[in-house]
């Protein structure tokens, strides 16, 4: 039923069981009885990470470099360079200097090992 475009930027990562939906149905029951649906494009910016089981609804834009937490339901646009989580998905914080020092639960990045 997804009858429009899903745009995915370069270097985007998707966890397992992510749903990106572009189709929806009117709230008006008489329109649904007639089988009507609408479609709205989804845009995901470059270098995003979409966590496992996230659901991205029709018409959503996710800005570049953003991270969507596992299990989140994205019902509104998400800006660039943020971590967003939850149901409904909301911005938790901006991605900043700390994230260039620590990669996971206090574990420091050894930049010299990556050269």
N, C-alpha and C. Protein backbone atom coordinates (compact mmCIF):
# COMPACT_ATOMS: atom_id res chain seq x y z
N UNK A 1 0.80 -1.20 0.00
CA UNK A 1 0.00 0.00 0.00
C UNK A 1 0.85 1.27 0.00
N UNK A 2 2.15 1.14 0.06
CA UNK A 2 3.01 2.32 0.04
C UNK A 2 3.23 2.74 -1.40
N UNK A 3 2.51 3.78 -1.79
CA UNK A 3 2.46 4.18 -3.20
C UNK A 3 3.17 5.48 -3.50
N UNK A 4 4.14 5.86 -2.69
CA UNK A 4 4.94 7.03 -3.00
C UNK A 4 6.37 6.79 -2.56
N UNK A 5 7.18 7.82 -2.63
CA UNK A 5 8.62 7.66 -2.46
C UNK A 5 9.07 7.68 -1.00
N UNK A 6 10.12 6.92 -0.76
CA UNK A 6 10.86 6.95 0.49
C UNK A 6 12.28 7.34 0.10
N UNK A 7 12.74 8.49 0.59
CA UNK A 7 14.07 8.98 0.27
C UNK A 7 14.99 8.70 1.44
N UNK A 8 16.11 8.03 1.17
CA UNK A 8 17.06 7.66 2.21
C UNK A 8 18.43 8.19 1.79
N UNK A 9 19.03 9.02 2.65
CA UNK A 9 20.33 9.60 2.36
C UNK A 9 21.45 8.57 2.45
N UNK A 10 22.63 8.99 2.05
CA UNK A 10 23.82 8.14 2.10
C UNK A 10 24.15 7.76 3.55
N UNK A 11 24.68 6.57 3.71
CA UNK A 11 25.22 6.08 4.99
C UNK A 11 24.18 5.98 6.11
N UNK A 12 22.92 5.78 5.76
CA UNK A 12 21.87 5.56 6.76
C UNK A 12 21.91 4.10 7.18
N UNK A 13 21.74 3.84 8.48
CA UNK A 13 21.70 2.48 9.01
C UNK A 13 20.32 2.21 9.59
N UNK A 14 19.78 1.04 9.26
CA UNK A 14 18.49 0.60 9.79
C UNK A 14 18.70 -0.65 10.64
N UNK A 15 18.16 -0.65 11.86
CA UNK A 15 18.14 -1.85 12.66
C UNK A 15 17.10 -2.81 12.12
N UNK A 16 17.02 -4.02 12.67
CA UNK A 16 16.03 -4.98 12.21
C UNK A 16 14.60 -4.52 12.53
N UNK A 17 13.68 -4.94 11.68
CA UNK A 17 12.24 -4.73 11.87
C UNK A 17 11.81 -3.27 11.91
N UNK A 18 12.51 -2.42 11.18
CA UNK A 18 12.09 -1.03 11.05
C UNK A 18 10.98 -0.96 10.01
N UNK A 19 9.96 -0.16 10.29
CA UNK A 19 8.85 0.05 9.35
C UNK A 19 8.89 1.51 8.90
N UNK A 20 8.90 1.71 7.58
CA UNK A 20 8.77 3.05 7.00
C UNK A 20 7.51 3.02 6.17
N UNK A 21 6.48 3.71 6.64
CA UNK A 21 5.17 3.66 5.98
C UNK A 21 4.88 4.98 5.29
N UNK A 22 4.34 4.91 4.09
CA UNK A 22 3.94 6.13 3.38
C UNK A 22 2.43 6.20 3.19
N UNK A 23 1.72 5.12 3.47
CA UNK A 23 0.27 5.09 3.25
C UNK A 23 -0.49 5.29 4.56
N UNK A 24 -1.59 6.00 4.47
CA UNK A 24 -2.47 6.19 5.61
C UNK A 24 -3.91 6.21 5.13
N UNK A 25 -4.81 6.24 6.07
CA UNK A 25 -6.23 6.22 5.74
C UNK A 25 -6.94 7.37 6.44
N UNK A 26 -7.97 7.93 5.82
CA UNK A 26 -8.70 9.04 6.43
C UNK A 26 -9.36 8.62 7.74
N UNK A 27 -9.54 9.58 8.63
CA UNK A 27 -10.24 9.32 9.88
C UNK A 27 -11.75 9.19 9.64
N UNK A 28 -12.25 9.84 8.64
CA UNK A 28 -13.68 9.82 8.33
C UNK A 28 -14.10 8.41 7.91
N UNK A 29 -15.01 7.76 8.65
CA UNK A 29 -15.37 6.38 8.34
C UNK A 29 -16.01 6.20 6.96
N UNK A 30 -16.73 7.20 6.50
CA UNK A 30 -17.34 7.07 5.18
C UNK A 30 -16.30 7.00 4.07
N UNK A 31 -15.20 7.70 4.27
CA UNK A 31 -14.12 7.64 3.27
C UNK A 31 -13.40 6.29 3.35
N UNK A 32 -13.19 5.79 4.57
CA UNK A 32 -12.55 4.48 4.70
C UNK A 32 -13.42 3.39 4.10
N UNK A 33 -14.75 3.49 4.26
CA UNK A 33 -15.66 2.51 3.66
C UNK A 33 -15.48 2.42 2.15
N UNK A 34 -15.06 3.51 1.55
CA UNK A 34 -14.84 3.55 0.10
C UNK A 34 -13.43 3.10 -0.28
N UNK A 35 -12.66 2.70 0.73
CA UNK A 35 -11.31 2.19 0.47
C UNK A 35 -10.29 3.26 0.16
N UNK A 36 -10.58 4.51 0.53
CA UNK A 36 -9.65 5.60 0.20
C UNK A 36 -8.45 5.58 1.13
N UNK A 37 -7.33 5.97 0.58
CA UNK A 37 -6.09 6.12 1.33
C UNK A 37 -5.36 7.33 0.82
N UNK A 38 -4.37 7.78 1.57
CA UNK A 38 -3.49 8.84 1.10
C UNK A 38 -2.06 8.33 1.24
N UNK A 39 -1.16 9.00 0.56
CA UNK A 39 0.26 8.64 0.60
C UNK A 39 1.08 9.90 0.77
N UNK A 40 2.06 9.85 1.64
CA UNK A 40 2.93 11.00 1.89
C UNK A 40 4.37 10.51 1.96
N UNK A 41 5.23 11.19 1.22
CA UNK A 41 6.64 10.80 1.14
C UNK A 41 7.33 10.88 2.49
N UNK A 42 8.34 10.03 2.67
CA UNK A 42 9.20 10.04 3.85
C UNK A 42 10.61 10.40 3.39
N UNK A 43 11.26 11.28 4.15
CA UNK A 43 12.63 11.71 3.85
C UNK A 43 13.50 11.44 5.07
N UNK A 44 14.59 10.69 4.86
CA UNK A 44 15.55 10.41 5.92
C UNK A 44 16.90 10.95 5.46
N UNK A 45 17.44 11.90 6.20
CA UNK A 45 18.69 12.55 5.83
C UNK A 45 19.88 11.61 5.91
N UNK A 46 20.99 12.05 5.35
CA UNK A 46 22.20 11.23 5.33
C UNK A 46 22.72 10.97 6.74
N UNK A 47 23.39 9.84 6.89
CA UNK A 47 24.12 9.46 8.10
C UNK A 47 23.21 9.32 9.33
N UNK A 48 21.98 8.90 9.13
CA UNK A 48 21.09 8.65 10.26
C UNK A 48 21.21 7.20 10.71
N UNK A 49 20.79 6.95 11.92
CA UNK A 49 20.72 5.59 12.46
C UNK A 49 19.31 5.42 12.98
N UNK A 50 18.59 4.45 12.43
CA UNK A 50 17.22 4.15 12.83
C UNK A 50 17.26 2.84 13.61
N UNK A 51 16.96 2.90 14.91
CA UNK A 51 17.08 1.74 15.78
C UNK A 51 16.05 0.66 15.51
N UNK A 52 16.33 -0.53 15.98
CA UNK A 52 15.49 -1.71 15.76
C UNK A 52 14.04 -1.46 16.15
N UNK A 53 13.14 -1.89 15.29
CA UNK A 53 11.72 -1.83 15.59
C UNK A 53 11.09 -0.46 15.53
N UNK A 54 11.83 0.54 15.07
CA UNK A 54 11.25 1.88 14.94
C UNK A 54 10.18 1.87 13.84
N UNK A 55 9.20 2.76 14.01
CA UNK A 55 8.14 2.92 13.01
C UNK A 55 8.14 4.39 12.60
N UNK A 56 8.29 4.63 11.30
CA UNK A 56 8.29 5.98 10.76
C UNK A 56 7.01 6.13 9.93
N UNK A 57 6.17 7.07 10.32
CA UNK A 57 4.85 7.24 9.71
C UNK A 57 4.89 8.12 8.47
N UNK A 58 3.81 8.13 7.67
CA UNK A 58 3.78 8.90 6.42
C UNK A 58 4.05 10.39 6.63
N UNK A 59 4.78 10.97 5.67
CA UNK A 59 5.01 12.40 5.64
C UNK A 59 6.13 12.90 6.54
N UNK A 60 6.87 12.00 7.16
CA UNK A 60 7.91 12.38 8.13
C UNK A 60 9.22 12.72 7.43
N UNK A 61 9.93 13.71 7.99
CA UNK A 61 11.30 14.03 7.60
C UNK A 61 12.17 13.88 8.84
N UNK A 62 13.29 13.16 8.67
CA UNK A 62 14.28 13.03 9.74
C UNK A 62 15.55 13.69 9.23
N UNK A 63 16.05 14.67 9.98
CA UNK A 63 17.23 15.42 9.56
C UNK A 63 18.50 14.60 9.62
N UNK A 64 19.50 15.06 8.87
CA UNK A 64 20.75 14.31 8.77
C UNK A 64 21.43 14.16 10.13
N UNK A 65 22.15 13.07 10.26
CA UNK A 65 22.96 12.70 11.43
C UNK A 65 22.13 12.34 12.67
N UNK A 66 20.84 12.30 12.57
CA UNK A 66 20.02 12.01 13.75
C UNK A 66 19.94 10.52 14.03
N UNK A 67 19.68 10.19 15.29
CA UNK A 67 19.53 8.81 15.75
C UNK A 67 18.11 8.66 16.29
N UNK A 68 17.41 7.64 15.81
CA UNK A 68 16.08 7.32 16.30
C UNK A 68 16.21 6.06 17.15
N UNK A 69 15.80 6.15 18.41
CA UNK A 69 15.95 5.04 19.34
C UNK A 69 15.09 3.84 18.98
N UNK A 70 15.55 2.68 19.37
CA UNK A 70 14.83 1.43 19.11
C UNK A 70 13.40 1.51 19.66
N UNK A 71 12.45 1.02 18.87
CA UNK A 71 11.07 0.96 19.28
C UNK A 71 10.31 2.28 19.20
N UNK A 72 10.95 3.32 18.73
CA UNK A 72 10.29 4.63 18.64
C UNK A 72 9.24 4.64 17.55
N UNK A 73 8.20 5.45 17.77
CA UNK A 73 7.16 5.67 16.76
C UNK A 73 7.25 7.14 16.37
N UNK A 74 7.75 7.40 15.15
CA UNK A 74 8.01 8.76 14.70
C UNK A 74 6.75 9.32 14.05
N UNK A 75 6.10 10.23 14.77
CA UNK A 75 4.83 10.80 14.31
C UNK A 75 4.97 12.25 13.86
N UNK A 76 6.13 12.87 14.15
CA UNK A 76 6.41 14.25 13.75
C UNK A 76 7.84 14.34 13.25
N UNK A 77 8.11 15.38 12.45
CA UNK A 77 9.45 15.57 11.91
C UNK A 77 10.48 15.67 13.03
N UNK A 78 11.68 15.15 12.75
CA UNK A 78 12.80 15.18 13.69
C UNK A 78 13.91 16.02 13.05
N UNK A 79 14.46 16.99 13.79
CA UNK A 79 15.51 17.83 13.21
C UNK A 79 16.84 17.08 13.06
N UNK A 80 17.80 17.74 12.44
CA UNK A 80 19.13 17.18 12.25
C UNK A 80 19.91 17.17 13.57
N UNK A 81 20.84 16.23 13.68
CA UNK A 81 21.84 16.19 14.75
C UNK A 81 21.25 16.02 16.15
N UNK A 82 20.25 15.15 16.27
CA UNK A 82 19.67 14.90 17.59
C UNK A 82 19.48 13.41 17.81
N UNK A 83 19.31 13.05 19.09
CA UNK A 83 18.87 11.73 19.48
C UNK A 83 17.39 11.88 19.84
N UNK A 84 16.54 11.06 19.23
CA UNK A 84 15.10 11.13 19.49
C UNK A 84 14.60 9.73 19.82
N UNK A 85 13.72 9.64 20.83
CA UNK A 85 13.26 8.34 21.30
C UNK A 85 11.80 8.41 21.74
N UNK A 86 11.17 7.24 21.82
CA UNK A 86 9.88 7.13 22.48
C UNK A 86 8.68 6.96 21.57
N UNK A 87 7.53 6.85 22.22
CA UNK A 87 6.24 6.72 21.54
C UNK A 87 5.26 7.66 22.21
N UNK A 88 5.01 8.81 21.58
CA UNK A 88 5.57 9.26 20.31
C UNK A 88 7.02 9.70 20.45
N UNK A 89 7.76 9.60 19.36
CA UNK A 89 9.18 9.94 19.35
C UNK A 89 9.37 11.43 19.59
N UNK A 90 10.26 11.76 20.54
CA UNK A 90 10.57 13.15 20.87
C UNK A 90 12.07 13.31 20.99
N UNK A 91 12.54 14.53 20.72
CA UNK A 91 13.97 14.81 20.83
C UNK A 91 14.39 14.68 22.29
N UNK A 92 15.40 13.85 22.52
CA UNK A 92 15.97 13.67 23.85
C UNK A 92 17.08 14.69 24.09
N UNK A 93 17.96 14.83 23.07
CA UNK A 93 19.07 15.77 23.20
C UNK A 93 19.76 15.93 21.86
N UNK A 94 20.60 16.97 21.78
CA UNK A 94 21.42 17.17 20.60
C UNK A 94 22.64 16.25 20.67
N UNK A 95 23.15 15.89 19.52
CA UNK A 95 24.41 15.15 19.44
C UNK A 95 25.53 16.18 19.55
N UNK A 96 26.48 15.97 20.48
CA UNK A 96 27.49 16.99 20.73
C UNK A 96 28.87 16.43 20.98
N UNK A 97 29.69 17.25 21.66
CA UNK A 97 31.08 16.90 21.91
C UNK A 97 31.24 15.59 22.69
N UNK A 98 30.36 15.36 23.66
CA UNK A 98 30.44 14.12 24.46
C UNK A 98 30.37 12.89 23.55
N UNK A 99 29.55 12.97 22.52
CA UNK A 99 29.38 11.84 21.61
C UNK A 99 30.59 11.62 20.73
N UNK A 100 31.51 12.58 20.68
CA UNK A 100 32.77 12.41 19.96
C UNK A 100 33.86 11.84 20.87
N UNK A 101 33.53 11.70 22.17
CA UNK A 101 34.47 11.14 23.14
C UNK A 101 34.06 9.74 23.61
N UNK A 102 32.76 9.49 23.69
CA UNK A 102 32.23 8.24 24.23
C UNK A 102 31.30 7.61 23.20
N UNK A 103 31.48 6.31 22.95
CA UNK A 103 30.63 5.66 21.95
C UNK A 103 29.50 4.84 22.56
N UNK A 104 29.65 4.37 23.82
CA UNK A 104 28.61 3.55 24.43
C UNK A 104 28.86 3.42 25.92
N UNK A 105 27.91 3.83 26.72
CA UNK A 105 27.94 3.65 28.19
C UNK A 105 29.30 3.93 28.81
N UNK A 106 29.82 5.11 28.55
CA UNK A 106 31.09 5.54 29.15
C UNK A 106 32.34 5.00 28.50
N UNK A 107 32.20 4.19 27.49
CA UNK A 107 33.38 3.63 26.81
C UNK A 107 33.94 4.67 25.85
N UNK A 108 35.20 5.02 26.08
CA UNK A 108 35.84 6.08 25.32
C UNK A 108 36.27 5.62 23.93
N UNK A 109 36.19 6.53 23.00
CA UNK A 109 36.63 6.28 21.63
C UNK A 109 38.14 6.42 21.57
N UNK A 110 38.82 5.43 21.04
CA UNK A 110 40.26 5.49 20.82
C UNK A 110 40.49 5.92 19.38
N UNK A 111 40.54 7.24 19.18
CA UNK A 111 40.66 7.77 17.82
C UNK A 111 41.97 7.32 17.15
N UNK A 112 43.03 7.12 17.93
CA UNK A 112 44.31 6.70 17.33
C UNK A 112 44.19 5.29 16.72
N UNK A 113 43.35 4.45 17.28
CA UNK A 113 43.16 3.10 16.74
C UNK A 113 42.37 3.13 15.43
N UNK A 114 41.71 4.23 15.16
CA UNK A 114 40.90 4.33 13.95
C UNK A 114 41.65 4.98 12.79
N UNK A 115 42.86 5.44 13.04
CA UNK A 115 43.64 6.08 11.97
C UNK A 115 44.27 5.09 11.04
